[in-house]
Amino acid sequence: ICQALEIPYRIVNICSGEMSAPAYLKYDLEYWDPVNRQYRELTSASNTTDYQARRLNIKYKDKTGTKFVHTLNGTAIALSRTIIAILENQQQKDGSIKVPKVLHEYLGKDSLSRRK
């Protein structure tokens, strides 16, 4: 999604000391904030193994018996943060915003600027 929206990003593998109790593995997707010259969290995804499944009693059966499923927890896109990331990274010197190519057909233009 970040590549399609032309947002500079990185993926960070979060250490266990920074994760919540249910998370077994967690990745943050961070976008580059050119105003503050640092990366900021855009969204995250975590593997909670069978923690949530046990609480919700979600199971499956196979040849060896009944087991709890493993679940993933994540957000594909945090809309307000994504809009900020596009605006901050696509602002041109004249103040206009270059619209990512993937959005041209939806906005009907390749840039946004103030009305004069």
C-alpha atoms as a PDB file:
ATOM      1  CA  ILE A   1       0.000   0.000   0.000  1.00  0.00           C
ATOM      2  CA  CYS A   2       2.805   2.427   0.882  1.00  0.00           C
ATOM      3  CA  GLN A   3       4.611   1.707  -2.371  1.00  0.00           C
ATOM      4  CA  ALA A   4       1.448   2.308  -4.390  1.00  0.00           C
ATOM      5  CA  LEU A   5       0.788   5.562  -2.513  1.00  0.00           C
ATOM      6  CA  GLU A   6       4.435   6.639  -2.980  1.00  0.00           C
ATOM      7  CA  ILE A   7       5.026   6.944   0.773  1.00  0.00           C
ATOM      8  CA  PRO A   8       8.617   6.383   1.955  1.00  0.00           C
ATOM      9  CA  TYR A   9       8.495   3.722   4.670  1.00  0.00           C
ATOM     10  CA  ARG A  10      10.363   1.111   6.630  1.00  0.00           C
ATOM     11  CA  ILE A  11       9.308  -2.070   8.431  1.00  0.00           C
ATOM     12  CA  VAL A  12      10.457  -2.480  12.026  1.00  0.00           C
ATOM     13  CA  ASN A  13      10.553  -5.806  13.878  1.00  0.00           C
ATOM     14  CA  ILE A  14       9.464  -4.877  17.421  1.00  0.00           C
ATOM     15  CA  CYS A  15      11.411  -6.415  20.324  1.00  0.00           C
ATOM     16  CA  SER A  16       9.494  -8.486  22.867  1.00  0.00           C
ATOM     17  CA  GLY A  17       9.949  -5.892  25.624  1.00  0.00           C
ATOM     18  CA  GLU A  18       7.950  -3.381  23.575  1.00  0.00           C
ATOM     19  CA  MET A  19       5.028  -5.694  22.730  1.00  0.00           C
ATOM     20  CA  SER A  20       1.766  -6.190  24.586  1.00  0.00           C
ATOM     21  CA  ALA A  21       1.211  -9.465  26.444  1.00  0.00           C
ATOM     22  CA  PRO A  22      -0.798 -11.240  23.702  1.00  0.00           C
ATOM     23  CA  ALA A  23       1.694 -10.512  20.919  1.00  0.00           C
ATOM     24  CA  TYR A  24       4.212 -13.171  19.956  1.00  0.00           C
ATOM     25  CA  LEU A  25       5.625 -11.254  16.991  1.00  0.00           C
ATOM     26  CA  LYS A  26       4.975  -7.663  15.913  1.00  0.00           C
ATOM     27  CA  TYR A  27       5.980  -5.451  13.005  1.00  0.00           C
ATOM     28  CA  ASP A  28       5.434  -1.703  12.744  1.00  0.00           C
ATOM     29  CA  LEU A  29       5.221   0.017   9.399  1.00  0.00           C
ATOM     30  CA  GLU A  30       6.653   3.525   9.737  1.00  0.00           C
ATOM     31  CA  TYR A  31       6.517   6.383   7.242  1.00  0.00           C
ATOM     32  CA  TRP A  32       9.160   9.059   6.791  1.00  0.00           C
ATOM     33  CA  ASP A  33       8.112  12.399   8.313  1.00  0.00           C
ATOM     34  CA  PRO A  34      10.185  14.987   6.411  1.00  0.00           C
ATOM     35  CA  VAL A  35       9.013  17.873   8.619  1.00  0.00           C
ATOM     36  CA  ASN A  36      10.449  16.333  11.799  1.00  0.00           C
ATOM     37  CA  ARG A  37      13.096  14.295   9.977  1.00  0.00           C
ATOM     38  CA  GLN A  38      12.135  10.996  11.594  1.00  0.00           C
ATOM     39  CA  TYR A  39      10.051   7.899  11.016  1.00  0.00           C
ATOM     40  CA  ARG A  40       6.575   7.694  12.565  1.00  0.00           C
ATOM     41  CA  GLU A  41       4.288   4.708  13.025  1.00  0.00           C
ATOM     42  CA  LEU A  42       1.717   4.300  10.279  1.00  0.00           C
ATOM     43  CA  THR A  43       0.297   0.914  11.262  1.00  0.00           C
ATOM     44  CA  SER A  44       1.296  -2.382  12.831  1.00  0.00           C
ATOM     45  CA  ALA A  45       0.594  -6.084  12.594  1.00  0.00           C
ATOM     46  CA  SER A  46       1.107  -8.780  15.181  1.00  0.00           C
ATOM     47  CA  ASN A  47       0.870 -12.541  15.530  1.00  0.00           C
ATOM     48  CA  THR A  48      -0.967 -13.375  18.760  1.00  0.00           C
ATOM     49  CA  THR A  49      -0.616 -17.151  18.280  1.00  0.00           C
ATOM     50  CA  ASP A  50      -3.598 -18.752  20.047  1.00  0.00           C
ATOM     51  CA  TYR A  51      -4.113 -16.048  22.712  1.00  0.00           C
ATOM     52  CA  GLN A  52      -7.194 -14.440  21.145  1.00  0.00           C
ATOM     53  CA  ALA A  53      -8.528 -17.782  19.893  1.00  0.00           C
ATOM     54  CA  ARG A  54      -8.537 -19.212  23.412  1.00  0.00           C
ATOM     55  CA  ARG A  55     -10.550 -16.248  24.694  1.00  0.00           C
ATOM     56  CA  LEU A  56     -12.982 -16.552  21.774  1.00  0.00           C
ATOM     57  CA  ASN A  57     -12.920 -20.374  21.729  1.00  0.00           C
ATOM     58  CA  ILE A  58     -12.035 -20.529  18.004  1.00  0.00           C
ATOM     59  CA  LYS A  59     -10.831 -24.003  17.057  1.00  0.00           C
ATOM     60  CA  TYR A  60     -10.172 -26.280  14.104  1.00  0.00           C
ATOM     61  CA  LYS A  61      -9.960 -30.042  13.737  1.00  0.00           C
ATOM     62  CA  ASP A  62      -7.315 -32.060  11.963  1.00  0.00           C
ATOM     63  CA  LYS A  63      -6.128 -35.699  12.013  1.00  0.00           C
ATOM     64  CA  THR A  64      -4.576 -35.297  15.460  1.00  0.00           C
ATOM     65  CA  GLY A  65      -7.534 -33.605  17.159  1.00  0.00           C
ATOM     66  CA  THR A  66      -9.026 -30.218  17.973  1.00  0.00           C
ATOM     67  CA  LYS A  67      -6.676 -27.220  18.311  1.00  0.00           C
ATOM     68  CA  PHE A  68      -6.916 -23.481  18.752  1.00  0.00           C
ATOM     69  CA  VAL A  69      -6.274 -21.405  15.637  1.00  0.00           C
ATOM     70  CA  HIS A  70      -3.565 -18.759  15.581  1.00  0.00           C
ATOM     71  CA  THR A  71      -4.706 -15.216  14.867  1.00  0.00           C
ATOM     72  CA  LEU A  72      -3.184 -12.100  13.374  1.00  0.00           C
ATOM     73  CA  ASN A  73      -4.023  -8.592  14.473  1.00  0.00           C
ATOM     74  CA  GLY A  74      -3.397  -5.709  12.118  1.00  0.00           C
ATOM     75  CA  THR A  75      -4.751  -2.702  10.311  1.00  0.00           C
ATOM     76  CA  ALA A  76      -4.219  -2.432   6.572  1.00  0.00           C
ATOM     77  CA  ILE A  77      -4.384   1.338   6.591  1.00  0.00           C
ATOM     78  CA  ALA A  78      -4.844   4.004   9.271  1.00  0.00           C
ATOM     79  CA  LEU A  79      -6.600   6.579   7.103  1.00  0.00           C
ATOM     80  CA  SER A  80      -5.759   9.828   8.906  1.00  0.00           C
ATOM     81  CA  ARG A  81      -2.085   8.886   9.321  1.00  0.00           C
ATOM     82  CA  THR A  82      -1.884   7.815   5.675  1.00  0.00           C
ATOM     83  CA  ILE A  83      -3.330  11.118   4.470  1.00  0.00           C
ATOM     84  CA  ILE A  84      -0.785  12.984   6.613  1.00  0.00           C
ATOM     85  CA  ALA A  85       2.029  10.823   5.198  1.00  0.00           C
ATOM     86  CA  ILE A  86       0.940  11.587   1.619  1.00  0.00           C
ATOM     87  CA  LEU A  87       0.588  15.319   2.280  1.00  0.00           C
ATOM     88  CA  GLU A  88       3.937  15.608   4.057  1.00  0.00           C
ATOM     89  CA  ASN A  89       5.860  13.591   1.480  1.00  0.00           C
ATOM     90  CA  GLN A  90       4.205  14.903  -1.687  1.00  0.00           C
ATOM     91  CA  GLN A  91       4.113  18.636  -0.946  1.00  0.00           C
ATOM     92  CA  GLN A  92       5.931  20.583  -3.650  1.00  0.00           C
ATOM     93  CA  LYS A  93       7.891  23.839  -3.259  1.00  0.00           C
ATOM     94  CA  ASP A  94       4.907  25.875  -4.479  1.00  0.00           C
ATOM     95  CA  GLY A  95       2.704  24.330  -1.761  1.00  0.00           C
ATOM     96  CA  SER A  96       0.780  22.041  -4.105  1.00  0.00           C
ATOM     97  CA  ILE A  97       0.434  18.328  -3.378  1.00  0.00           C
ATOM     98  CA  LYS A  98       1.496  15.752  -5.969  1.00  0.00           C
ATOM     99  CA  VAL A  99      -1.228  13.086  -6.053  1.00  0.00           C
ATOM    100  CA  PRO A 100       0.140   9.514  -6.159  1.00  0.00           C
ATOM    101  CA  LYS A 101      -0.511   7.927  -9.577  1.00  0.00           C
ATOM    102  CA  VAL A 102      -2.710   5.201  -8.085  1.00  0.00           C
ATOM    103  CA  LEU A 103      -5.181   7.916  -6.939  1.00  0.00           C
ATOM    104  CA  HIS A 104      -5.358   9.894 -10.216  1.00  0.00           C
ATOM    105  CA  GLU A 105      -8.431   8.054 -11.490  1.00  0.00           C
ATOM    106  CA  TYR A 106     -10.290   8.705  -8.221  1.00  0.00           C
ATOM    107  CA  LEU A 107      -9.411  12.388  -7.910  1.00  0.00           C
ATOM    108  CA  GLY A 108      -9.372  13.169 -11.615  1.00  0.00           C
ATOM    109  CA  LYS A 109      -6.138  15.151 -11.292  1.00  0.00           C
ATOM    110  CA  ASP A 110      -2.456  14.713 -10.637  1.00  0.00           C
ATOM    111  CA  SER A 111      -2.012  17.544  -8.128  1.00  0.00           C
ATOM    112  CA  LEU A 112      -3.924  19.519  -5.534  1.00  0.00           C
ATOM    113  CA  SER A 113      -3.463  23.222  -4.905  1.00  0.00           C
ATOM    114  CA  ARG A 114      -5.252  26.143  -3.298  1.00  0.00           C
ATOM    115  CA  ARG A 115      -7.841  27.974  -5.277  1.00  0.00           C
ATOM    116  CA  LYS A 116      -6.697  31.399  -6.388  1.00  0.00           C
END
